[in-house]
Amino acid sequence: MDYTRLFRLDGRTAVVLGAASGIGREAALALAGHGAAVVCADRDLEGARATAQAAGEGASSYALDVLDPDAVHRAGRELEADVLVFTAATNVRKRLLDYSTEEFDRVLALNLRASFSLVQAFGGPMAERGRGSIVGFSSIRALTVEPGQGVYAASKAGLVQLLRTAAAELGPSGVRVNAVAPGVVETPLTAQIQADPDWHRAYAEKSALRRWSQPEELAGAVVYLASDAASFVTGSLLVVDGGWTAIDGRYDPPN
């Protein structure tokens, strides 16, 4: 075993959905940095092109709306991915009694139904080729909730179980499937919280590290799960939350 190459991805094609910004952008750059030919896919084609340009030679862009199942399945056939990473998500922060059916459907459509389409579209060809790694982004909300996060939490918990099932079904064909659960990350998805100083500070103080994470701090988890360093890792939930879910209380008792 040449451990100096344990995280290298040379000769592999990695498709990153949500590559125009945030965690997806940093994941694409990190995968390219480890030798993968990265396809930066997003509904925002200009943003995807900018990421591909930053990723350097061998990277390309691809316009894809993950809410269009036909387009997703076409991409799965065309792109021949060795690695699939998807980060796209949405959230409507409201208490359950205030939610509309339209808002519920909108959150589930992107966070869960689109993920199902991606697993089908890319997992099938991977299984036929006998290899592949799928990395989907869940959230700590799959494990712990708060008022106003119920539907988002349900979608992210459902995604974990969807990916675990995919790991069980695709594992015999050589395809690994894992989930990453970030804590609070400074991305466009959390702009509402970042704009409220008290809310932003309360979230920062909840983790063991007493701060928010930056999108690039999730990139290492993606490279690990995509690479041979994780060759025996499948069906797992990798929590990258600065210790948020490890801490039980909000009161720090005196010595």
Protein backbone atom coordinates (compact mmCIF):
# COMPACT_ATOMS: atom_id res chain seq x y z
CA MET A 1 0.00 0.00 0.00
CA ASP A 2 1.37 3.39 -1.03
CA TYR A 3 -0.08 5.58 1.69
CA THR A 4 1.17 8.75 0.02
CA ARG A 5 -1.56 8.22 -2.59
CA LEU A 6 -4.33 7.14 -0.26
CA PHE A 7 -6.44 10.24 -0.94
CA ARG A 8 -5.54 10.66 -4.62
CA LEU A 9 -8.33 10.57 -7.20
CA ASP A 10 -6.32 10.54 -10.41
CA GLY A 11 -8.17 8.97 -13.33
CA ARG A 12 -11.59 9.34 -11.72
CA THR A 13 -14.48 11.52 -12.77
CA ALA A 14 -16.29 13.31 -9.94
CA VAL A 15 -19.66 14.96 -10.52
CA VAL A 16 -20.57 17.60 -7.95
CA LEU A 17 -24.18 18.79 -7.84
CA GLY A 18 -24.50 22.23 -6.28
CA ALA A 19 -21.02 23.23 -7.42
CA ALA A 20 -21.83 26.89 -8.10
CA SER A 21 -21.49 27.97 -4.48
CA GLY A 22 -21.03 27.03 -0.85
CA ILE A 23 -20.06 23.51 0.16
CA GLY A 24 -20.51 22.18 -3.37
CA ARG A 25 -18.02 24.68 -4.76
CA GLU A 26 -15.39 23.82 -2.16
CA ALA A 27 -15.98 20.09 -2.61
CA ALA A 28 -15.40 20.45 -6.34
CA LEU A 29 -12.17 22.38 -5.80
CA ALA A 30 -10.91 19.86 -3.25
CA LEU A 31 -11.67 16.86 -5.47
CA ALA A 32 -9.88 18.54 -8.36
CA GLY A 33 -6.96 19.28 -6.06
CA HIS A 34 -6.63 15.55 -5.43
CA GLY A 35 -6.54 14.70 -9.11
CA ALA A 36 -10.16 14.07 -10.09
CA ALA A 37 -11.64 15.30 -13.35
CA VAL A 38 -14.48 17.30 -11.85
CA VAL A 39 -17.81 18.05 -13.51
CA CYS A 40 -19.24 21.12 -11.80
CA ALA A 41 -23.00 20.75 -12.14
CA ASP A 42 -25.62 23.24 -11.05
CA ARG A 43 -28.81 24.94 -12.16
CA ASP A 44 -26.71 28.12 -12.05
CA LEU A 45 -24.52 27.42 -15.08
CA GLU A 46 -22.52 30.63 -14.80
CA GLY A 47 -21.65 29.79 -11.21
CA ALA A 48 -20.72 26.25 -12.22
CA ARG A 49 -18.47 27.62 -14.96
CA ALA A 50 -16.72 29.89 -12.48
CA THR A 51 -16.06 26.94 -10.17
CA ALA A 52 -14.78 24.84 -13.07
CA GLN A 53 -12.42 27.63 -14.07
CA ALA A 54 -11.12 27.86 -10.50
CA ALA A 55 -10.70 24.08 -10.36
CA GLY A 56 -8.28 24.19 -13.27
CA GLU A 57 -7.47 21.97 -16.21
CA GLY A 58 -9.68 18.91 -16.53
CA ALA A 59 -12.70 20.50 -14.85
CA SER A 60 -15.90 21.21 -16.77
CA SER A 61 -19.35 22.63 -16.14
CA TYR A 62 -22.80 21.13 -16.69
CA ALA A 63 -26.24 22.69 -16.42
CA LEU A 64 -28.58 20.52 -14.39
CA ASP A 65 -31.81 21.15 -12.51
CA VAL A 66 -32.07 18.27 -10.03
CA LEU A 67 -35.82 18.81 -9.80
CA ASP A 68 -36.11 17.50 -13.37
CA PRO A 69 -35.91 13.68 -13.11
CA ASP A 70 -35.51 13.22 -16.87
CA ALA A 71 -32.55 15.60 -16.93
CA VAL A 72 -31.01 13.87 -13.91
CA HIS A 73 -31.26 10.43 -15.52
CA ARG A 74 -29.83 11.79 -18.76
CA ALA A 75 -26.88 13.22 -16.80
CA GLY A 76 -26.33 9.86 -15.11
CA ARG A 77 -25.98 8.19 -18.51
CA GLU A 78 -23.82 10.92 -20.06
CA LEU A 79 -21.32 11.71 -17.34
CA GLU A 80 -20.07 8.24 -16.29
CA ALA A 81 -19.18 9.35 -12.79
CA ASP A 82 -16.86 7.45 -10.49
CA VAL A 83 -17.83 9.85 -7.69
CA LEU A 84 -21.11 11.68 -7.13
CA VAL A 85 -21.43 14.45 -4.55
CA PHE A 86 -24.68 16.35 -4.05
CA THR A 87 -25.27 19.28 -1.73
CA ALA A 88 -28.38 21.09 -3.02
CA ALA A 89 -30.98 21.77 -0.32
CA THR A 90 -33.59 24.25 0.78
CA ASN A 91 -35.27 25.14 4.04
CA VAL A 92 -38.42 27.00 5.07
CA ARG A 93 -37.98 27.91 8.72
CA LYS A 94 -41.48 27.79 10.17
CA ARG A 95 -43.18 25.93 12.96
CA LEU A 96 -45.17 22.92 11.81
CA LEU A 97 -48.57 24.48 12.45
CA ASP A 98 -47.67 27.40 10.20
CA TYR A 99 -46.43 25.31 7.27
CA SER A 100 -48.34 25.20 4.03
CA THR A 101 -48.61 22.08 1.91
CA GLU A 102 -46.78 23.90 -0.89
CA GLU A 103 -43.85 24.70 1.43
CA PHE A 104 -43.73 21.11 2.68
CA ASP A 105 -43.68 19.78 -0.88
CA ARG A 106 -40.99 22.28 -1.92
CA VAL A 107 -38.61 21.21 0.86
CA LEU A 108 -39.17 17.49 0.30
CA ALA A 109 -38.89 17.83 -3.48
CA LEU A 110 -35.35 19.20 -3.39
CA ASN A 111 -34.00 17.62 -0.22
CA LEU A 112 -35.35 14.10 -0.68
CA ARG A 113 -37.05 13.40 -4.01
CA ALA A 114 -34.20 14.92 -6.02
CA SER A 115 -31.73 12.88 -3.98
CA PHE A 116 -33.69 9.75 -4.85
CA SER A 117 -33.44 10.64 -8.55
CA LEU A 118 -29.69 11.21 -8.27
CA VAL A 119 -29.08 7.89 -6.52
CA GLN A 120 -31.08 6.07 -9.18
CA ALA A 121 -29.54 7.91 -12.12
CA PHE A 122 -25.91 7.64 -11.06
CA GLY A 123 -26.02 4.55 -8.85
CA GLY A 124 -27.29 2.30 -11.64
CA PRO A 125 -24.43 3.01 -14.08
CA MET A 126 -21.92 2.81 -11.22
CA ALA A 127 -23.22 -0.63 -10.30
CA GLU A 128 -22.95 -1.74 -13.92
CA ARG A 129 -19.31 -0.64 -13.97
CA GLY A 130 -18.65 -2.29 -10.61
CA ARG A 131 -17.34 0.76 -8.77
CA GLY A 132 -18.30 4.17 -7.44
CA SER A 133 -18.75 6.42 -4.44
CA ILE A 134 -21.86 8.49 -3.69
CA VAL A 135 -21.71 11.23 -1.06
CA GLY A 136 -24.92 13.03 -0.10
CA PHE A 137 -25.20 15.97 2.27
CA SER A 138 -27.58 15.53 5.17
CA SER A 139 -27.40 17.72 8.29
CA ILE A 140 -27.14 17.56 12.07
CA ARG A 141 -30.88 18.20 11.85
CA ALA A 142 -31.20 14.52 10.95
CA LEU A 143 -30.14 13.89 14.56
CA THR A 144 -31.29 16.85 16.61
CA VAL A 145 -34.05 19.38 16.02
CA GLU A 146 -35.32 22.76 17.16
CA PRO A 147 -38.58 24.64 16.65
CA GLY A 148 -38.99 25.79 13.07
CA GLN A 149 -36.76 23.11 11.58
CA GLY A 150 -39.16 20.16 11.54
CA VAL A 151 -39.73 19.60 7.82
CA TYR A 152 -36.08 20.22 6.96
CA ALA A 153 -35.07 17.80 9.72
CA ALA A 154 -37.48 15.16 8.44
CA SER A 155 -36.10 15.48 4.92
CA LYS A 156 -32.51 15.16 6.12
CA ALA A 157 -33.28 12.18 8.34
CA GLY A 158 -35.06 10.56 5.43
CA LEU A 159 -32.02 11.18 3.24
CA VAL A 160 -29.78 9.32 5.69
CA GLN A 161 -32.01 6.26 5.55
CA LEU A 162 -32.29 6.50 1.76
CA LEU A 163 -28.51 6.53 1.44
CA ARG A 164 -28.08 3.68 3.93
CA THR A 165 -30.50 1.61 1.90
CA ALA A 166 -28.61 2.47 -1.27
CA ALA A 167 -25.40 1.37 0.45
CA ALA A 168 -27.00 -1.98 1.25
CA GLU A 169 -28.38 -2.49 -2.25
CA LEU A 170 -25.41 -1.23 -4.26
CA GLY A 171 -22.62 -2.52 -2.03
CA PRO A 172 -22.48 -5.99 -3.67
CA SER A 173 -21.81 -4.20 -6.97
CA GLY A 174 -18.85 -2.26 -5.56
CA VAL A 175 -20.60 1.07 -4.98
CA ARG A 176 -20.17 2.86 -1.66
CA VAL A 177 -22.81 5.32 -0.41
CA ASN A 178 -22.34 7.67 2.54
CA ALA A 179 -23.78 10.84 4.05
CA VAL A 180 -22.14 13.90 5.57
CA ALA A 181 -23.92 15.82 8.33
CA PRO A 182 -22.61 19.37 8.67
CA GLY A 183 -23.31 21.61 11.61
CA VAL A 184 -23.84 25.30 11.01
CA VAL A 185 -22.00 26.50 7.93
CA GLU A 186 -21.80 30.04 6.56
CA THR A 187 -23.47 29.50 3.18
CA PRO A 188 -26.39 31.13 1.33
CA LEU A 189 -28.74 28.56 2.92
CA THR A 190 -28.08 30.04 6.38
CA ALA A 191 -28.18 33.70 5.33
CA GLN A 192 -31.35 34.31 7.38
CA ILE A 193 -29.56 33.21 10.56
CA GLN A 194 -26.34 35.02 9.79
CA ALA A 195 -28.28 38.27 9.37
CA ASP A 196 -29.56 38.10 12.97
CA PRO A 197 -26.64 38.79 15.38
CA ASP A 198 -28.28 37.08 18.38
CA TRP A 199 -29.27 34.02 16.38
CA HIS A 200 -25.83 33.82 14.76
CA ARG A 201 -24.08 34.11 18.13
CA ALA A 202 -26.34 31.50 19.78
CA TYR A 203 -25.45 28.98 17.07
CA ALA A 204 -21.74 29.75 17.36
CA GLU A 205 -21.81 29.16 21.11
CA LYS A 206 -23.56 25.80 20.81
CA SER A 207 -20.64 23.87 19.30
CA ALA A 208 -17.54 22.78 21.20
CA LEU A 209 -15.42 24.99 18.97
CA ARG A 210 -17.67 28.00 19.66
CA ARG A 211 -17.86 29.12 16.04
CA TRP A 212 -19.52 28.50 12.71
CA SER A 213 -17.75 26.47 10.07
CA GLN A 214 -16.71 27.64 6.63
CA PRO A 215 -17.67 25.67 3.48
CA GLU A 216 -14.06 24.60 2.87
CA GLU A 217 -14.04 22.79 6.23
CA LEU A 218 -16.44 20.21 4.78
CA ALA A 219 -14.24 19.47 1.77
CA GLY A 220 -11.96 17.06 3.60
CA ALA A 221 -14.88 14.80 4.47
CA VAL A 222 -15.84 14.65 0.80
CA VAL A 223 -12.32 13.80 -0.37
CA TYR A 224 -12.05 11.11 2.29
CA LEU A 225 -15.34 9.42 1.39
CA ALA A 226 -14.60 9.65 -2.34
CA SER A 227 -11.12 8.17 -2.05
CA ASP A 228 -9.57 4.79 -1.32
CA ALA A 229 -8.95 6.03 2.23
CA ALA A 230 -12.63 5.12 2.78
CA SER A 231 -12.61 1.90 0.74
CA PHE A 232 -14.39 -0.02 3.53
CA VAL A 233 -16.71 2.83 4.57
CA THR A 234 -20.29 2.65 3.35
CA GLY A 235 -23.70 3.28 4.88
CA SER A 236 -22.11 5.77 7.27
CA LEU A 237 -23.08 9.21 8.51
CA LEU A 238 -19.99 11.38 8.95
CA VAL A 239 -20.82 14.24 11.32
CA VAL A 240 -18.77 17.41 10.77
CA ASP A 241 -20.29 19.80 13.29
CA GLY A 242 -17.56 21.16 15.56
CA GLY A 243 -18.91 19.02 18.40
CA TRP A 244 -22.49 20.38 18.27
CA THR A 245 -24.21 16.99 18.65
CA ALA A 246 -21.74 15.85 21.31
CA ILE A 247 -22.85 18.50 23.78
CA ASP A 248 -25.95 17.87 25.87
CA GLY A 249 -26.54 21.09 27.81
CA ARG A 250 -26.50 24.85 27.46
CA TYR A 251 -25.35 25.64 30.98
CA ASP A 252 -21.68 25.53 31.90
CA PRO A 253 -21.66 24.73 35.65
CA PRO A 254 -19.10 26.41 37.93
CA ASN A 255 -15.96 24.54 38.96
